[in-house]
Amino acid sequence: MDETIISDSNVGKRLEKLKKAEIVALSCQGKSYSAVGKMTIGRGRDNTIQVDDNLASRHHALLQKINDAYFIKDLNSTNGTRVNGKQIPEGKYIKLKSKDVIKIGRTEITIQ
C-alpha cells in the first residue's frame, strides 16, 4: 500500500495537526503583496514594497515576521511611520493585526 506524507502516514497525520502560520497580505496603491519573513517599505527601488510618495524615505520601514506574528519598525525615516493613526516610537517594533492601516507619508498600506 502506497502511503504519502500528506495524508495516510503517521508523519502526515501529525503534520496536519500542526498550527499553520497565518498568511498575511498587504494592500498598497492598488497592488497586493504577500507578506514574507522580512520586507522593507520605502521609495527606493530595492525595497520589497516601493511606494510612489515623496514624503516617504528611501528606506522607510521594516516589516518582519517574528514567532508567527508580524511587526513593523520605522527605519529612522524623516516623517515617521503611523499604525492606525499612532506614531511608531523610535527604535520600537509594533505588532500588527488584520485590518491595521500603516501610513507612510500619504500612502496607506492595509493589512488583510
PDB file of N, CA and C in Angstrom:
ATOM      1  N   MET A   1       0.843  -1.187   0.000  1.00  0.00           N
ATOM      2  CA  MET A   1       0.000   0.000   0.000  1.00  0.00           C
ATOM      3  C   MET A   1       0.887   1.248   0.000  1.00  0.00           C
ATOM      4  N   ASP A   2       0.635   2.155  -0.928  1.00  0.00           N
ATOM      5  CA  ASP A   2       1.399   3.396  -1.004  1.00  0.00           C
ATOM      6  C   ASP A   2       0.842   4.401   0.000  1.00  0.00           C
ATOM      7  N   GLU A   3       1.737   4.955   0.807  1.00  0.00           N
ATOM      8  CA  GLU A   3       1.340   5.998   1.748  1.00  0.00           C
ATOM      9  C   GLU A   3       2.054   7.284   1.371  1.00  0.00           C
ATOM     10  N   THR A   4       1.370   8.381   1.526  1.00  0.00           N
ATOM     11  CA  THR A   4       2.008   9.667   1.294  1.00  0.00           C
ATOM     12  C   THR A   4       2.145  10.384   2.620  1.00  0.00           C
ATOM     13  N   ILE A   5       3.141  11.242   2.697  1.00  0.00           N
ATOM     14  CA  ILE A   5       3.330  12.017   3.927  1.00  0.00           C
ATOM     15  C   ILE A   5       2.137  12.931   4.152  1.00  0.00           C
ATOM     16  N   ILE A   6       1.523  13.372   3.073  1.00  0.00           N
ATOM     17  CA  ILE A   6       0.439  14.338   3.187  1.00  0.00           C
ATOM     18  C   ILE A   6      -0.804  13.754   3.848  1.00  0.00           C
ATOM     19  N   SER A   7      -1.111  12.492   3.588  1.00  0.00           N
ATOM     20  CA  SER A   7      -2.408  12.024   4.063  1.00  0.00           C
ATOM     21  C   SER A   7      -2.369  10.808   4.975  1.00  0.00           C
ATOM     22  N   ASP A   8      -1.879   9.687   4.509  1.00  0.00           N
ATOM     23  CA  ASP A   8      -2.107   8.433   5.204  1.00  0.00           C
ATOM     24  C   ASP A   8      -1.072   8.052   6.258  1.00  0.00           C
ATOM     25  N   SER A   9       0.146   8.484   6.131  1.00  0.00           N
ATOM     26  CA  SER A   9       1.181   8.020   7.048  1.00  0.00           C
ATOM     27  C   SER A   9       1.059   8.677   8.418  1.00  0.00           C
ATOM     28  N   ASN A  10       1.733   8.114   9.398  1.00  0.00           N
ATOM     29  CA  ASN A  10       1.735   8.697  10.744  1.00  0.00           C
ATOM     30  C   ASN A  10       2.331  10.099  10.727  1.00  0.00           C
ATOM     31  N   VAL A  11       3.389  10.292   9.945  1.00  0.00           N
ATOM     32  CA  VAL A  11       4.001  11.619   9.838  1.00  0.00           C
ATOM     33  C   VAL A  11       2.998  12.604   9.250  1.00  0.00           C
ATOM     34  N   GLY A  12       2.304  12.202   8.209  1.00  0.00           N
ATOM     35  CA  GLY A  12       1.302  13.067   7.583  1.00  0.00           C
ATOM     36  C   GLY A  12       0.197  13.452   8.545  1.00  0.00           C
ATOM     37  N   LYS A  13      -0.256  12.522   9.357  1.00  0.00           N
ATOM     38  CA  LYS A  13      -1.312  12.807  10.325  1.00  0.00           C
ATOM     39  C   LYS A  13      -0.840  13.804  11.377  1.00  0.00           C
ATOM     40  N   ARG A  14       0.427  13.679  11.807  1.00  0.00           N
ATOM     41  CA  ARG A  14       0.969  14.637  12.780  1.00  0.00           C
ATOM     42  C   ARG A  14       1.138  16.020  12.154  1.00  0.00           C
ATOM     43  N   LEU A  15       1.574  16.058  10.901  1.00  0.00           N
ATOM     44  CA  LEU A  15       1.752  17.348  10.224  1.00  0.00           C
ATOM     45  C   LEU A  15       0.437  18.087  10.060  1.00  0.00           C
ATOM     46  N   GLU A  16      -0.636  17.368   9.802  1.00  0.00           N
ATOM     47  CA  GLU A  16      -1.946  18.001   9.649  1.00  0.00           C
ATOM     48  C   GLU A  16      -2.396  18.690  10.925  1.00  0.00           C
ATOM     49  N   LYS A  17      -1.950  18.205  12.086  1.00  0.00           N
ATOM     50  CA  LYS A  17      -2.357  18.768  13.373  1.00  0.00           C
ATOM     51  C   LYS A  17      -1.586  20.027  13.745  1.00  0.00           C
ATOM     52  N   LEU A  18      -0.441  20.254  13.105  1.00  0.00           N
ATOM     53  CA  LEU A  18       0.363  21.426  13.426  1.00  0.00           C
ATOM     54  C   LEU A  18      -0.360  22.700  13.036  1.00  0.00           C
ATOM     55  N   LYS A  19      -0.179  23.722  13.848  1.00  0.00           N
ATOM     56  CA  LYS A  19      -0.776  25.016  13.558  1.00  0.00           C
ATOM     57  C   LYS A  19      -0.066  25.642  12.357  1.00  0.00           C
ATOM     58  N   LYS A  20      -0.852  26.087  11.397  1.00  0.00           N
ATOM     59  CA  LYS A  20      -0.295  26.721  10.221  1.00  0.00           C
ATOM     60  C   LYS A  20      -0.182  28.218  10.466  1.00  0.00           C
ATOM     61  N   ALA A  21       0.915  28.799  10.016  1.00  0.00           N
ATOM     62  CA  ALA A  21       1.117  30.238  10.180  1.00  0.00           C
ATOM     63  C   ALA A  21       0.072  30.998   9.370  1.00  0.00           C
ATOM     64  N   GLU A  22      -0.408  32.079   9.946  1.00  0.00           N
ATOM     65  CA  GLU A  22      -1.396  32.906   9.267  1.00  0.00           C
ATOM     66  C   GLU A  22      -0.734  33.587   8.076  1.00  0.00           C
ATOM     67  N   ILE A  23      -1.393  33.537   6.943  1.00  0.00           N
ATOM     68  CA  ILE A  23      -0.875  34.201   5.752  1.00  0.00           C
ATOM     69  C   ILE A  23      -1.436  35.617   5.733  1.00  0.00           C
ATOM     70  N   VAL A  24      -0.557  36.576   5.657  1.00  0.00           N
ATOM     71  CA  VAL A  24      -0.954  37.970   5.684  1.00  0.00           C
ATOM     72  C   VAL A  24      -0.664  38.594   4.327  1.00  0.00           C
ATOM     73  N   ALA A  25      -1.590  39.387   3.859  1.00  0.00           N
ATOM     74  CA  ALA A  25      -1.383  40.127   2.615  1.00  0.00           C
ATOM     75  C   ALA A  25      -1.436  41.613   2.932  1.00  0.00           C
ATOM     76  N   LEU A  26      -0.732  42.379   2.127  1.00  0.00           N
ATOM     77  CA  LEU A  26      -0.705  43.820   2.275  1.00  0.00           C
ATOM     78  C   LEU A  26      -1.266  44.442   1.009  1.00  0.00           C
ATOM     79  N   SER A  27      -2.043  45.488   1.170  1.00  0.00           N
ATOM     80  CA  SER A  27      -2.595  46.198   0.025  1.00  0.00           C
ATOM     81  C   SER A  27      -2.038  47.617   0.033  1.00  0.00           C
ATOM     82  N   CYS A  28      -1.403  47.999  -1.083  1.00  0.00           N
ATOM     83  CA  CYS A  28      -0.769  49.309  -1.157  1.00  0.00           C
ATOM     84  C   CYS A  28      -0.870  49.848  -2.577  1.00  0.00           C
ATOM     85  N   GLN A  29      -1.413  51.040  -2.729  1.00  0.00           N
ATOM     86  CA  GLN A  29      -1.514  51.729  -4.010  1.00  0.00           C
ATOM     87  C   GLN A  29      -2.074  50.823  -5.107  1.00  0.00           C
ATOM     88  N   GLY A  30      -3.127  50.085  -4.770  1.00  0.00           N
ATOM     89  CA  GLY A  30      -3.808  49.237  -5.746  1.00  0.00           C
ATOM     90  C   GLY A  30      -3.145  47.897  -6.013  1.00  0.00           C
ATOM     91  N   LYS A  31      -2.054  47.601  -5.321  1.00  0.00           N
ATOM     92  CA  LYS A  31      -1.376  46.320  -5.503  1.00  0.00           C
ATOM     93  C   LYS A  31      -1.488  45.510  -4.218  1.00  0.00           C
ATOM     94  N   SER A  32      -1.441  44.192  -4.381  1.00  0.00           N
ATOM     95  CA  SER A  32      -1.483  43.288  -3.234  1.00  0.00           C
ATOM     96  C   SER A  32      -0.147  42.562  -3.132  1.00  0.00           C
ATOM     97  N   TYR A  33       0.367  42.443  -1.909  1.00  0.00           N
ATOM     98  CA  TYR A  33       1.648  41.789  -1.657  1.00  0.00           C
ATOM     99  C   TYR A  33       1.447  40.715  -0.597  1.00  0.00           C
ATOM    100  N   SER A  34       2.032  39.552  -0.810  1.00  0.00           N
ATOM    101  CA  SER A  34       2.031  38.517   0.220  1.00  0.00           C
ATOM    102  C   SER A  34       3.157  38.824   1.185  1.00  0.00           C
ATOM    103  N   ALA A  35       2.852  38.798   2.470  1.00  0.00           N
ATOM    104  CA  ALA A  35       3.874  39.083   3.476  1.00  0.00           C
ATOM    105  C   ALA A  35       4.838  37.907   3.563  1.00  0.00           C
ATOM    106  N   VAL A  36       6.109  38.236   3.629  1.00  0.00           N
ATOM    107  CA  VAL A  36       7.152  37.236   3.795  1.00  0.00           C
ATOM    108  C   VAL A  36       7.891  37.538   5.093  1.00  0.00           C
ATOM    109  N   GLY A  37       8.909  36.777   5.401  1.00  0.00           N
ATOM    110  CA  GLY A  37       9.619  36.915   6.670  1.00  0.00           C
ATOM    111  C   GLY A  37      10.152  38.302   6.965  1.00  0.00           C
ATOM    112  N   LYS A  38      10.664  38.974   5.942  1.00  0.00           N
ATOM    113  CA  LYS A  38      11.245  40.298   6.148  1.00  0.00           C
ATOM    114  C   LYS A  38      11.014  41.127   4.894  1.00  0.00           C
ATOM    115  N   MET A  39      10.406  42.304   5.072  1.00  0.00           N
ATOM    116  CA  MET A  39      10.103  43.179   3.941  1.00  0.00           C
ATOM    117  C   MET A  39      10.478  44.611   4.300  1.00  0.00           C
ATOM    118  N   THR A  40      11.005  45.337   3.319  1.00  0.00           N
ATOM    119  CA  THR A  40      11.259  46.756   3.518  1.00  0.00           C
ATOM    120  C   THR A  40      10.266  47.554   2.694  1.00  0.00           C
ATOM    121  N   ILE A  41       9.947  48.746   3.201  1.00  0.00           N
ATOM    122  CA  ILE A  41       8.988  49.633   2.543  1.00  0.00           C
ATOM    123  C   ILE A  41       9.647  50.999   2.398  1.00  0.00           C
ATOM    124  N   GLY A  42       9.549  51.577   1.211  1.00  0.00           N
ATOM    125  CA  GLY A  42      10.100  52.912   1.001  1.00  0.00           C
ATOM    126  C   GLY A  42      10.103  53.300  -0.457  1.00  0.00           C
ATOM    127  N   ARG A  43      10.682  54.483  -0.759  1.00  0.00           N
ATOM    128  CA  ARG A  43      10.740  54.999  -2.128  1.00  0.00           C
ATOM    129  C   ARG A  43      11.775  54.289  -2.988  1.00  0.00           C
ATOM    130  N   GLY A  44      12.840  53.780  -2.384  1.00  0.00           N
ATOM    131  CA  GLY A  44      13.927  53.165  -3.141  1.00  0.00           C
ATOM    132  C   GLY A  44      13.480  51.930  -3.904  1.00  0.00           C
ATOM    133  N   ARG A  45      14.086  51.733  -5.066  1.00  0.00           N
ATOM    134  CA  ARG A  45      13.721  50.597  -5.922  1.00  0.00           C
ATOM    135  C   ARG A  45      14.114  49.257  -5.326  1.00  0.00           C
ATOM    136  N   ASP A  46      15.009  49.251  -4.358  1.00  0.00           N
ATOM    137  CA  ASP A  46      15.459  47.996  -3.759  1.00  0.00           C
ATOM    138  C   ASP A  46      14.571  47.523  -2.603  1.00  0.00           C
ATOM    139  N   ASN A  47      13.471  48.218  -2.346  1.00  0.00           N
ATOM    140  CA  ASN A  47      12.533  47.803  -1.294  1.00  0.00           C
ATOM    141  C   ASN A  47      11.599  46.711  -1.799  1.00  0.00           C
ATOM    142  N   THR A  48      11.111  45.899  -0.881  1.00  0.00           N
ATOM    143  CA  THR A  48      10.120  44.882  -1.218  1.00  0.00           C
ATOM    144  C   THR A  48       8.835  45.552  -1.706  1.00  0.00           C
ATOM    145  N   ILE A  49       8.422  46.599  -0.989  1.00  0.00           N
ATOM    146  CA  ILE A  49       7.269  47.400  -1.391  1.00  0.00           C
ATOM    147  C   ILE A  49       7.768  48.807  -1.669  1.00  0.00           C
ATOM    148  N   GLN A  50       7.744  49.186  -2.939  1.00  0.00           N
ATOM    149  CA  GLN A  50       8.184  50.520  -3.332  1.00  0.00           C
ATOM    150  C   GLN A  50       6.960  51.415  -3.403  1.00  0.00           C
ATOM    151  N   VAL A  51       7.007  52.539  -2.675  1.00  0.00           N
ATOM    152  CA  VAL A  51       5.889  53.474  -2.679  1.00  0.00           C
ATOM    153  C   VAL A  51       6.260  54.717  -3.465  1.00  0.00           C
ATOM    154  N   ASP A  52       5.312  55.204  -4.226  1.00  0.00           N
ATOM    155  CA  ASP A  52       5.495  56.415  -5.017  1.00  0.00           C
ATOM    156  C   ASP A  52       4.946  57.582  -4.204  1.00  0.00           C
ATOM    157  N   ASP A  53       5.754  58.060  -3.266  1.00  0.00           N
ATOM    158  CA  ASP A  53       5.319  59.093  -2.338  1.00  0.00           C
ATOM    159  C   ASP A  53       6.552  59.891  -1.924  1.00  0.00           C
ATOM    160  N   ASN A  54       6.583  61.195  -2.256  1.00  0.00           N
ATOM    161  CA  ASN A  54       7.767  61.985  -1.930  1.00  0.00           C
ATOM    162  C   ASN A  54       7.924  62.268  -0.438  1.00  0.00           C
ATOM    163  N   LEU A  55       6.933  61.934   0.375  1.00  0.00           N
ATOM    164  CA  LEU A  55       7.056  62.065   1.830  1.00  0.00           C
ATOM    165  C   LEU A  55       7.611  60.802   2.480  1.00  0.00           C
ATOM    166  N   ALA A  56       7.815  59.758   1.684  1.00  0.00           N
ATOM    167  CA  ALA A  56       8.401  58.516   2.185  1.00  0.00           C
ATOM    168  C   ALA A  56       9.916  58.578   2.029  1.00  0.00           C
ATOM    169  N   SER A  57      10.624  58.029   2.992  1.00  0.00           N
ATOM    170  CA  SER A  57      12.085  57.944   2.888  1.00  0.00           C
ATOM    171  C   SER A  57      12.448  56.813   1.937  1.00  0.00           C
ATOM    172  N   ARG A  58      13.704  56.811   1.474  1.00  0.00           N
ATOM    173  CA  ARG A  58      14.148  55.746   0.566  1.00  0.00           C
ATOM    174  C   ARG A  58      13.981  54.374   1.214  1.00  0.00           C
ATOM    175  N   HIS A  59      14.359  54.259   2.465  1.00  0.00           N
ATOM    176  CA  HIS A  59      14.168  53.037   3.258  1.00  0.00           C
ATOM    177  C   HIS A  59      13.412  53.470   4.504  1.00  0.00           C
ATOM    178  N   HIS A  60      12.112  53.339   4.458  1.00  0.00           N
ATOM    179  CA  HIS A  60      11.238  53.964   5.450  1.00  0.00           C
ATOM    180  C   HIS A  60      10.909  53.053   6.639  1.00  0.00           C
ATOM    181  N   ALA A  61      10.503  51.810   6.358  1.00  0.00           N
ATOM    182  CA  ALA A  61      10.053  50.929   7.439  1.00  0.00           C
ATOM    183  C   ALA A  61      10.417  49.478   7.130  1.00  0.00           C
ATOM    184  N   LEU A  62      10.456  48.684   8.185  1.00  0.00           N
ATOM    185  CA  LEU A  62      10.754  47.256   8.088  1.00  0.00           C
ATOM    186  C   LEU A  62       9.567  46.477   8.632  1.00  0.00           C
ATOM    187  N   LEU A  63       9.069  45.545   7.848  1.00  0.00           N
ATOM    188  CA  LEU A  63       8.005  44.636   8.277  1.00  0.00           C
ATOM    189  C   LEU A  63       8.660  43.276   8.453  1.00  0.00           C
ATOM    190  N   GLN A  64       8.495  42.670   9.640  1.00  0.00           N
ATOM    191  CA  GLN A  64       9.197  41.425   9.921  1.00  0.00           C
ATOM    192  C   GLN A  64       8.298  40.443  10.661  1.00  0.00           C
ATOM    193  N   LYS A  65       8.432  39.172  10.275  1.00  0.00           N
ATOM    194  CA  LYS A  65       7.695  38.105  10.941  1.00  0.00           C
ATOM    195  C   LYS A  65       8.572  37.566  12.068  1.00  0.00           C
ATOM    196  N   ILE A  66       8.011  37.542  13.274  1.00  0.00           N
ATOM    197  CA  ILE A  66       8.709  37.019  14.442  1.00  0.00           C
ATOM    198  C   ILE A  66       7.730  36.111  15.187  1.00  0.00           C
ATOM    199  N   ASN A  67       8.075  34.815  15.280  1.00  0.00           N
ATOM    200  CA  ASN A  67       7.225  33.850  16.008  1.00  0.00           C
ATOM    201  C   ASN A  67       5.758  33.888  15.589  1.00  0.00           C
ATOM    202  N   ASP A  68       5.492  33.730  14.306  1.00  0.00           N
ATOM    203  CA  ASP A  68       4.130  33.673  13.754  1.00  0.00           C
ATOM    204  C   ASP A  68       3.323  34.953  13.939  1.00  0.00           C
ATOM    205  N   ALA A  69       3.989  36.072  14.164  1.00  0.00           N
ATOM    206  CA  ALA A  69       3.316  37.367  14.226  1.00  0.00           C
ATOM    207  C   ALA A  69       4.119  38.336  13.362  1.00  0.00           C
ATOM    208  N   TYR A  70       3.469  39.385  12.906  1.00  0.00           N
ATOM    209  CA  TYR A  70       4.128  40.380  12.077  1.00  0.00           C
ATOM    210  C   TYR A  70       4.284  41.681  12.850  1.00  0.00           C
ATOM    211  N   PHE A  71       5.452  42.296  12.703  1.00  0.00           N
ATOM    212  CA  PHE A  71       5.786  43.531  13.397  1.00  0.00           C
ATOM    213  C   PHE A  71       6.313  44.542  12.391  1.00  0.00           C
ATOM    214  N   ILE A  72       6.172  45.831  12.723  1.00  0.00           N
ATOM    215  CA  ILE A  72       6.721  46.887  11.886  1.00  0.00           C
ATOM    216  C   ILE A  72       7.596  47.794  12.738  1.00  0.00           C
ATOM    217  N   LYS A  73       8.648  48.292  12.110  1.00  0.00           N
ATOM    218  CA  LYS A  73       9.579  49.199  12.776  1.00  0.00           C
ATOM    219  C   LYS A  73       9.936  50.313  11.803  1.00  0.00           C
ATOM    220  N   ASP A  74       9.937  51.548  12.282  1.00  0.00           N
ATOM    221  CA  ASP A  74      10.359  52.680  11.467  1.00  0.00           C
ATOM    222  C   ASP A  74      11.884  52.652  11.365  1.00  0.00           C
ATOM    223  N   LEU A  75      12.403  52.915  10.175  1.00  0.00           N
ATOM    224  CA  LEU A  75      13.851  52.881   9.948  1.00  0.00           C
ATOM    225  C   LEU A  75      14.448  54.289   9.989  1.00  0.00           C
ATOM    226  N   ASN A  76      14.135  55.021  11.062  1.00  0.00           N
ATOM    227  CA  ASN A  76      14.626  56.395  11.249  1.00  0.00           C
ATOM    228  C   ASN A  76      14.278  57.286  10.060  1.00  0.00           C
ATOM    229  N   SER A  77      13.046  57.133   9.594  1.00  0.00           N
ATOM    230  CA  SER A  77      12.579  57.922   8.449  1.00  0.00           C
ATOM    231  C   SER A  77      12.419  59.391   8.843  1.00  0.00           C
ATOM    232  N   THR A  78      12.388  60.244   7.846  1.00  0.00           N
ATOM    233  CA  THR A  78      12.241  61.683   8.086  1.00  0.00           C
ATOM    234  C   THR A  78      10.876  62.017   8.665  1.00  0.00           C
ATOM    235  N   ASN A  79       9.807  61.422   8.116  1.00  0.00           N
ATOM    236  CA  ASN A  79       8.435  61.779   8.516  1.00  0.00           C
ATOM    237  C   ASN A  79       7.757  60.766   9.419  1.00  0.00           C
ATOM    238  N   GLY A  80       8.433  59.689   9.790  1.00  0.00           N
ATOM    239  CA  GLY A  80       7.861  58.707  10.696  1.00  0.00           C
ATOM    240  C   GLY A  80       6.860  57.767  10.031  1.00  0.00           C
ATOM    241  N   THR A  81       6.464  56.765  10.793  1.00  0.00           N
ATOM    242  CA  THR A  81       5.502  55.753  10.346  1.00  0.00           C
ATOM    243  C   THR A  81       4.376  55.694  11.359  1.00  0.00           C
ATOM    244  N   ARG A  82       3.161  55.597  10.873  1.00  0.00           N
ATOM    245  CA  ARG A  82       1.984  55.517  11.756  1.00  0.00           C
ATOM    246  C   ARG A  82       1.260  54.195  11.541  1.00  0.00           C
ATOM    247  N   VAL A  83       0.716  53.650  12.615  1.00  0.00           N
ATOM    248  CA  VAL A  83      -0.150  52.480  12.563  1.00  0.00           C
ATOM    249  C   VAL A  83      -1.461  52.883  13.219  1.00  0.00           C
ATOM    250  N   ASN A  84      -2.533  52.830  12.440  1.00  0.00           N
ATOM    251  CA  ASN A  84      -3.864  53.234  12.914  1.00  0.00           C
ATOM    252  C   ASN A  84      -3.844  54.645  13.506  1.00  0.00           C
ATOM    253  N   GLY A  85      -3.087  55.529  12.879  1.00  0.00           N
ATOM    254  CA  GLY A  85      -3.033  56.923  13.302  1.00  0.00           C
ATOM    255  C   GLY A  85      -2.038  57.239  14.403  1.00  0.00           C
ATOM    256  N   LYS A  86      -1.406  56.235  14.989  1.00  0.00           N
ATOM    257  CA  LYS A  86      -0.453  56.458  16.084  1.00  0.00           C
ATOM    258  C   LYS A  86       0.975  56.309  15.581  1.00  0.00           C
ATOM    259  N   GLN A  87       1.804  57.284  15.940  1.00  0.00           N
ATOM    260  CA  GLN A  87       3.208  57.280  15.547  1.00  0.00           C
ATOM    261  C   GLN A  87       3.950  56.109  16.208  1.00  0.00           C
ATOM    262  N   ILE A  88       4.757  55.393  15.431  1.00  0.00           N
ATOM    263  CA  ILE A  88       5.586  54.320  15.991  1.00  0.00           C
ATOM    264  C   ILE A  88       6.747  54.971  16.734  1.00  0.00           C
ATOM    265  N   PRO A  89       6.961  54.630  18.000  1.00  0.00           N
ATOM    266  CA  PRO A  89       8.097  55.191  18.737  1.00  0.00           C
ATOM    267  C   PRO A  89       9.431  54.761  18.111  1.00  0.00           C
ATOM    268  N   GLU A  90      10.399  55.651  18.157  1.00  0.00           N
ATOM    269  CA  GLU A  90      11.708  55.386  17.574  1.00  0.00           C
ATOM    270  C   GLU A  90      12.334  54.126  18.183  1.00  0.00           C
ATOM    271  N   GLY A  91      12.811  53.244  17.300  1.00  0.00           N
ATOM    272  CA  GLY A  91      13.504  52.033  17.735  1.00  0.00           C
ATOM    273  C   GLY A  91      12.604  50.911  18.252  1.00  0.00           C
ATOM    274  N   LYS A  92      11.293  51.060  18.161  1.00  0.00           N
ATOM    275  CA  LYS A  92      10.358  50.065  18.686  1.00  0.00           C
ATOM    276  C   LYS A  92       9.670  49.302  17.565  1.00  0.00           C
ATOM    277  N   TYR A  93       9.410  48.013  17.815  1.00  0.00           N
ATOM    278  CA  TYR A  93       8.589  47.198  16.921  1.00  0.00           C
ATOM    279  C   TYR A  93       7.151  47.262  17.416  1.00  0.00           C
ATOM    280  N   ILE A  94       6.213  47.388  16.498  1.00  0.00           N
ATOM    281  CA  ILE A  94       4.786  47.391  16.815  1.00  0.00           C
ATOM    282  C   ILE A  94       4.169  46.154  16.170  1.00  0.00           C
ATOM    283  N   LYS A  95       3.421  45.380  16.965  1.00  0.00           N
ATOM    284  CA  LYS A  95       2.764  44.178  16.452  1.00  0.00           C
ATOM    285  C   LYS A  95       1.570  44.573  15.596  1.00  0.00           C
ATOM    286  N   LEU A  96       1.469  43.933  14.439  1.00  0.00           N
ATOM    287  CA  LEU A  96       0.381  44.215  13.510  1.00  0.00           C
ATOM    288  C   LEU A  96      -0.692  43.143  13.579  1.00  0.00           C
ATOM    289  N   LYS A  97      -1.911  43.538  13.261  1.00  0.00           N
ATOM    290  CA  LYS A  97      -3.014  42.582  13.187  1.00  0.00           C
ATOM    291  C   LYS A  97      -3.852  42.895  11.959  1.00  0.00           C
ATOM    292  N   SER A  98      -4.737  41.994  11.641  1.00  0.00           N
ATOM    293  CA  SER A  98      -5.593  42.154  10.473  1.00  0.00           C
ATOM    294  C   SER A  98      -6.345  43.486  10.527  1.00  0.00           C
ATOM    295  N   LYS A  99      -6.452  44.147   9.409  1.00  0.00           N
ATOM    296  CA  LYS A  99      -7.163  45.412   9.214  1.00  0.00           C
ATOM    297  C   LYS A  99      -6.413  46.632   9.748  1.00  0.00           C
ATOM    298  N   ASP A 100      -5.190  46.458  10.261  1.00  0.00           N
ATOM    299  CA  ASP A 100      -4.387  47.620  10.644  1.00  0.00           C
ATOM    300  C   ASP A 100      -4.052  48.422   9.398  1.00  0.00           C
ATOM    301  N   VAL A 101      -3.898  49.722   9.575  1.00  0.00           N
ATOM    302  CA  VAL A 101      -3.529  50.610   8.474  1.00  0.00           C
ATOM    303  C   VAL A 101      -2.191  51.268   8.825  1.00  0.00           C
ATOM    304  N   ILE A 102      -1.213  51.026   7.972  1.00  0.00           N
ATOM    305  CA  ILE A 102       0.110  51.629   8.116  1.00  0.00           C
ATOM    306  C   ILE A 102       0.120  52.859   7.222  1.00  0.00           C
ATOM    307  N   LYS A 103       0.593  53.981   7.743  1.00  0.00           N
ATOM    308  CA  LYS A 103       0.667  55.189   6.935  1.00  0.00           C
ATOM    309  C   LYS A 103       2.116  55.644   6.844  1.00  0.00           C
ATOM    310  N   ILE A 104       2.588  55.733   5.608  1.00  0.00           N
ATOM    311  CA  ILE A 104       3.939  56.190   5.305  1.00  0.00           C
ATOM    312  C   ILE A 104       3.785  57.365   4.357  1.00  0.00           C
ATOM    313  N   GLY A 105       4.089  58.557   4.847  1.00  0.00           N
ATOM    314  CA  GLY A 105       3.803  59.762   4.059  1.00  0.00           C
ATOM    315  C   GLY A 105       2.311  59.875   3.843  1.00  0.00           C
ATOM    316  N   ARG A 106       1.894  59.965   2.581  1.00  0.00           N
ATOM    317  CA  ARG A 106       0.462  59.987   2.261  1.00  0.00           C
ATOM    318  C   ARG A 106      -0.055  58.601   1.887  1.00  0.00           C
ATOM    319  N   THR A 107       0.831  57.619   1.871  1.00  0.00           N
ATOM    320  CA  THR A 107       0.494  56.274   1.408  1.00  0.00           C
ATOM    321  C   THR A 107      -0.041  55.419   2.548  1.00  0.00           C
ATOM    322  N   GLU A 108      -1.160  54.748   2.287  1.00  0.00           N
ATOM    323  CA  GLU A 108      -1.725  53.818   3.263  1.00  0.00           C
ATOM    324  C   GLU A 108      -1.511  52.384   2.801  1.00  0.00           C
ATOM    325  N   ILE A 109      -1.097  51.546   3.740  1.00  0.00           N
ATOM    326  CA  ILE A 109      -0.909  50.126   3.487  1.00  0.00           C
ATOM    327  C   ILE A 109      -1.813  49.405   4.465  1.00  0.00           C
ATOM    328  N   THR A 110      -2.702  48.565   3.930  1.00  0.00           N
ATOM    329  CA  THR A 110      -3.684  47.870   4.761  1.00  0.00           C
ATOM    330  C   THR A 110      -3.290  46.415   4.929  1.00  0.00           C
ATOM    331  N   ILE A 111      -3.379  45.913   6.156  1.00  0.00           N
ATOM    332  CA  ILE A 111      -3.109  44.512   6.463  1.00  0.00           C
ATOM    333  C   ILE A 111      -4.404  43.750   6.241  1.00  0.00           C
ATOM    334  N   GLN A 112      -4.322  42.676   5.439  1.00  0.00           N
ATOM    335  CA  GLN A 112      -5.527  41.886   5.136  1.00  0.00           C
ATOM    336  C   GLN A 112      -5.455  40.524   5.764  1.00  0.00           C
TER     337      GLN A 112
END
